[in-house]
Amino acid sequence: MEAYEFYATPENGTILIPKRLRRKVTSNVKVILLEQNSRKASSRKATTSRRSDLLLTPTIKTNGWKFNREEANAR
């Protein structure tokens, strides 16, 4: 399954596939609609960005930890 992203404005309930994608899309498609609202979208994007930053760069405060490699490997 290939994924393509584009922006479109529905007209009478119809969304046109851009010309650049028409040759690539030749069979049935699965459509997921995401409505773009400027205020909601920007605040959601900022929140998601912060969450993903936390997930991608975990930090653990190790001040005061005593680490013994031999003890850790013995487990």
N, C-alpha and C. Protein backbone atom coordinates (compact mmCIF):
# COMPACT_ATOMS: atom_id res chain seq x y z
N MET A 1 0.86 -1.18 0.00
CA MET A 1 0.00 0.00 0.00
C MET A 1 0.89 1.23 0.00
N GLU A 2 0.66 2.10 -0.93
CA GLU A 2 1.39 3.37 -1.04
C GLU A 2 0.56 4.48 -0.40
N ALA A 3 1.22 5.47 0.16
CA ALA A 3 0.53 6.62 0.74
C ALA A 3 0.96 7.89 0.02
N TYR A 4 0.00 8.71 -0.32
CA TYR A 4 0.25 10.00 -0.96
C TYR A 4 -0.50 11.05 -0.17
N GLU A 5 0.11 12.21 -0.03
CA GLU A 5 -0.52 13.30 0.73
C GLU A 5 -0.69 14.50 -0.18
N PHE A 6 -1.85 15.12 -0.09
CA PHE A 6 -2.10 16.35 -0.82
C PHE A 6 -3.22 17.10 -0.12
N TYR A 7 -3.32 18.38 -0.42
CA TYR A 7 -4.36 19.22 0.13
C TYR A 7 -5.39 19.49 -0.96
N ALA A 8 -6.65 19.47 -0.59
CA ALA A 8 -7.72 19.71 -1.56
C ALA A 8 -8.90 20.36 -0.86
N THR A 9 -9.68 21.09 -1.62
CA THR A 9 -10.92 21.67 -1.12
C THR A 9 -12.07 20.93 -1.80
N PRO A 10 -12.90 20.24 -1.03
CA PRO A 10 -14.02 19.51 -1.64
C PRO A 10 -14.99 20.47 -2.32
N GLU A 11 -15.48 20.05 -3.47
CA GLU A 11 -16.50 20.81 -4.20
C GLU A 11 -17.69 19.89 -4.44
N ASN A 12 -18.81 20.23 -3.83
CA ASN A 12 -20.02 19.39 -3.93
C ASN A 12 -19.76 17.95 -3.51
N GLY A 13 -18.93 17.78 -2.47
CA GLY A 13 -18.65 16.44 -1.96
C GLY A 13 -17.62 15.66 -2.75
N THR A 14 -16.95 16.30 -3.69
CA THR A 14 -15.97 15.62 -4.54
C THR A 14 -14.58 16.18 -4.30
N ILE A 15 -13.61 15.28 -4.13
CA ILE A 15 -12.20 15.68 -4.00
C ILE A 15 -11.47 15.14 -5.22
N LEU A 16 -10.82 16.01 -5.96
CA LEU A 16 -10.08 15.60 -7.15
C LEU A 16 -8.67 15.17 -6.78
N ILE A 17 -8.21 14.07 -7.38
CA ILE A 17 -6.83 13.62 -7.19
C ILE A 17 -5.96 14.49 -8.09
N PRO A 18 -4.87 15.04 -7.54
CA PRO A 18 -4.00 15.90 -8.35
C PRO A 18 -3.45 15.16 -9.58
N LYS A 19 -3.20 15.90 -10.64
CA LYS A 19 -2.71 15.31 -11.89
C LYS A 19 -1.44 14.50 -11.69
N ARG A 20 -0.56 14.97 -10.81
CA ARG A 20 0.72 14.29 -10.59
C ARG A 20 0.55 12.90 -10.01
N LEU A 21 -0.61 12.62 -9.41
CA LEU A 21 -0.85 11.31 -8.79
C LEU A 21 -1.78 10.41 -9.60
N ARG A 22 -2.44 10.95 -10.60
CA ARG A 22 -3.47 10.18 -11.32
C ARG A 22 -2.92 8.93 -11.98
N ARG A 23 -1.72 8.97 -12.52
CA ARG A 23 -1.15 7.77 -13.15
C ARG A 23 -0.75 6.73 -12.12
N LYS A 24 -0.36 7.18 -10.95
CA LYS A 24 0.07 6.26 -9.89
C LYS A 24 -1.11 5.54 -9.25
N VAL A 25 -2.25 6.21 -9.15
CA VAL A 25 -3.43 5.64 -8.49
C VAL A 25 -4.34 5.05 -9.57
N THR A 26 -4.30 3.74 -9.69
CA THR A 26 -5.07 3.09 -10.76
C THR A 26 -6.07 2.07 -10.23
N SER A 27 -6.07 1.82 -8.93
CA SER A 27 -7.00 0.84 -8.37
C SER A 27 -7.82 1.50 -7.25
N ASN A 28 -8.54 0.68 -6.50
CA ASN A 28 -9.32 1.21 -5.39
C ASN A 28 -8.41 1.86 -4.36
N VAL A 29 -8.92 2.85 -3.67
CA VAL A 29 -8.13 3.57 -2.67
C VAL A 29 -8.86 3.59 -1.34
N LYS A 30 -8.10 3.73 -0.29
CA LYS A 30 -8.65 3.94 1.05
C LYS A 30 -8.46 5.42 1.35
N VAL A 31 -9.52 6.08 1.77
CA VAL A 31 -9.46 7.53 1.99
C VAL A 31 -9.65 7.82 3.48
N ILE A 32 -8.78 8.63 4.01
CA ILE A 32 -8.89 9.12 5.39
C ILE A 32 -8.93 10.64 5.29
N LEU A 33 -9.98 11.25 5.81
CA LEU A 33 -10.12 12.70 5.74
C LEU A 33 -9.65 13.34 7.03
N LEU A 34 -8.81 14.32 6.92
CA LEU A 34 -8.37 15.13 8.06
C LEU A 34 -8.72 16.57 7.74
N GLU A 35 -9.67 17.11 8.48
CA GLU A 35 -10.07 18.49 8.22
C GLU A 35 -9.03 19.42 8.79
N GLN A 36 -8.61 20.38 8.00
CA GLN A 36 -7.58 21.31 8.43
C GLN A 36 -8.22 22.60 8.94
N ASN A 37 -8.11 22.83 10.23
CA ASN A 37 -8.57 24.07 10.86
C ASN A 37 -7.33 24.78 11.38
N SER A 38 -7.12 26.00 10.99
CA SER A 38 -5.86 26.68 11.29
C SER A 38 -5.54 26.72 12.78
N ARG A 39 -6.47 27.11 13.62
CA ARG A 39 -6.18 27.19 15.06
C ARG A 39 -6.00 25.82 15.68
N LYS A 40 -6.96 24.94 15.45
CA LYS A 40 -6.88 23.60 16.04
C LYS A 40 -5.68 22.83 15.51
N ALA A 41 -5.43 22.90 14.23
CA ALA A 41 -4.33 22.15 13.63
C ALA A 41 -2.98 22.61 14.19
N SER A 42 -2.79 23.92 14.32
CA SER A 42 -1.50 24.40 14.81
C SER A 42 -1.29 24.04 16.26
N SER A 43 -2.34 24.10 17.10
CA SER A 43 -2.15 23.74 18.50
C SER A 43 -1.95 22.24 18.65
N ARG A 44 -2.65 21.43 17.85
CA ARG A 44 -2.45 19.98 17.89
C ARG A 44 -1.04 19.63 17.44
N LYS A 45 -0.58 20.30 16.39
CA LYS A 45 0.75 20.01 15.85
C LYS A 45 1.81 20.33 16.90
N ALA A 46 1.66 21.44 17.59
CA ALA A 46 2.62 21.81 18.62
C ALA A 46 2.62 20.79 19.74
N THR A 47 1.44 20.35 20.18
CA THR A 47 1.34 19.36 21.24
C THR A 47 1.96 18.04 20.79
N THR A 48 1.64 17.61 19.60
CA THR A 48 2.18 16.36 19.08
C THR A 48 3.69 16.45 18.97
N SER A 49 4.18 17.60 18.52
CA SER A 49 5.61 17.78 18.37
C SER A 49 6.30 17.65 19.72
N ARG A 50 5.75 18.26 20.75
CA ARG A 50 6.33 18.17 22.08
C ARG A 50 6.31 16.73 22.58
N ARG A 51 5.21 16.03 22.35
CA ARG A 51 5.11 14.64 22.78
C ARG A 51 6.13 13.77 22.06
N SER A 52 6.26 13.95 20.77
CA SER A 52 7.21 13.14 20.02
C SER A 52 8.64 13.46 20.43
N ASP A 53 8.92 14.72 20.75
CA ASP A 53 10.25 15.07 21.23
C ASP A 53 10.56 14.32 22.51
N LEU A 54 9.57 14.22 23.40
CA LEU A 54 9.79 13.50 24.65
C LEU A 54 10.02 12.02 24.38
N LEU A 55 9.31 11.46 23.43
CA LEU A 55 9.46 10.04 23.14
C LEU A 55 10.78 9.75 22.42
N LEU A 56 11.21 10.64 21.57
CA LEU A 56 12.41 10.40 20.80
C LEU A 56 13.69 10.68 21.57
N THR A 57 13.63 11.54 22.57
CA THR A 57 14.82 11.88 23.33
C THR A 57 14.58 11.68 24.82
N PRO A 58 14.52 10.42 25.26
CA PRO A 58 14.28 10.19 26.69
C PRO A 58 15.49 10.63 27.50
N THR A 59 15.21 11.22 28.64
CA THR A 59 16.29 11.62 29.54
C THR A 59 16.01 11.05 30.92
N ILE A 60 17.06 10.59 31.55
CA ILE A 60 16.96 10.06 32.90
C ILE A 60 17.97 10.80 33.75
N LYS A 61 17.52 11.36 34.83
CA LYS A 61 18.42 12.06 35.73
C LYS A 61 19.19 11.01 36.53
N THR A 62 20.49 11.02 36.38
CA THR A 62 21.32 10.01 37.03
C THR A 62 22.20 10.59 38.13
N ASN A 63 21.91 11.82 38.52
CA ASN A 63 22.69 12.42 39.60
C ASN A 63 22.52 11.60 40.87
N GLY A 64 23.63 11.20 41.47
CA GLY A 64 23.57 10.45 42.72
C GLY A 64 23.45 8.94 42.52
N TRP A 65 23.32 8.48 41.30
CA TRP A 65 23.26 7.03 41.06
C TRP A 65 24.67 6.46 41.10
N LYS A 66 24.78 5.31 41.73
CA LYS A 66 26.06 4.60 41.72
C LYS A 66 25.87 3.40 40.82
N PHE A 67 26.66 3.34 39.77
CA PHE A 67 26.52 2.26 38.79
C PHE A 67 27.70 1.32 38.89
N ASN A 68 27.39 0.05 39.07
CA ASN A 68 28.41 -0.98 39.12
C ASN A 68 28.17 -1.91 37.94
N ARG A 69 29.02 -1.83 36.94
CA ARG A 69 28.83 -2.59 35.71
C ARG A 69 28.84 -4.09 35.99
N GLU A 70 29.70 -4.56 36.87
CA GLU A 70 29.78 -6.00 37.20
C GLU A 70 28.47 -6.48 37.80
N GLU A 71 27.90 -5.67 38.69
CA GLU A 71 26.63 -6.03 39.33
C GLU A 71 25.48 -6.05 38.30
N ALA A 72 25.49 -5.08 37.40
CA ALA A 72 24.45 -5.01 36.38
C ALA A 72 24.54 -6.21 35.43
N ASN A 73 25.73 -6.62 35.04
CA ASN A 73 25.90 -7.73 34.14
C ASN A 73 25.65 -9.08 34.81
N ALA A 74 25.72 -9.15 36.11
CA ALA A 74 25.49 -10.40 36.83
C ALA A 74 24.02 -10.78 36.81
N ARG A 75 23.14 -9.83 36.59
CA ARG A 75 21.71 -10.11 36.61
C ARG A 75 21.29 -10.76 35.38
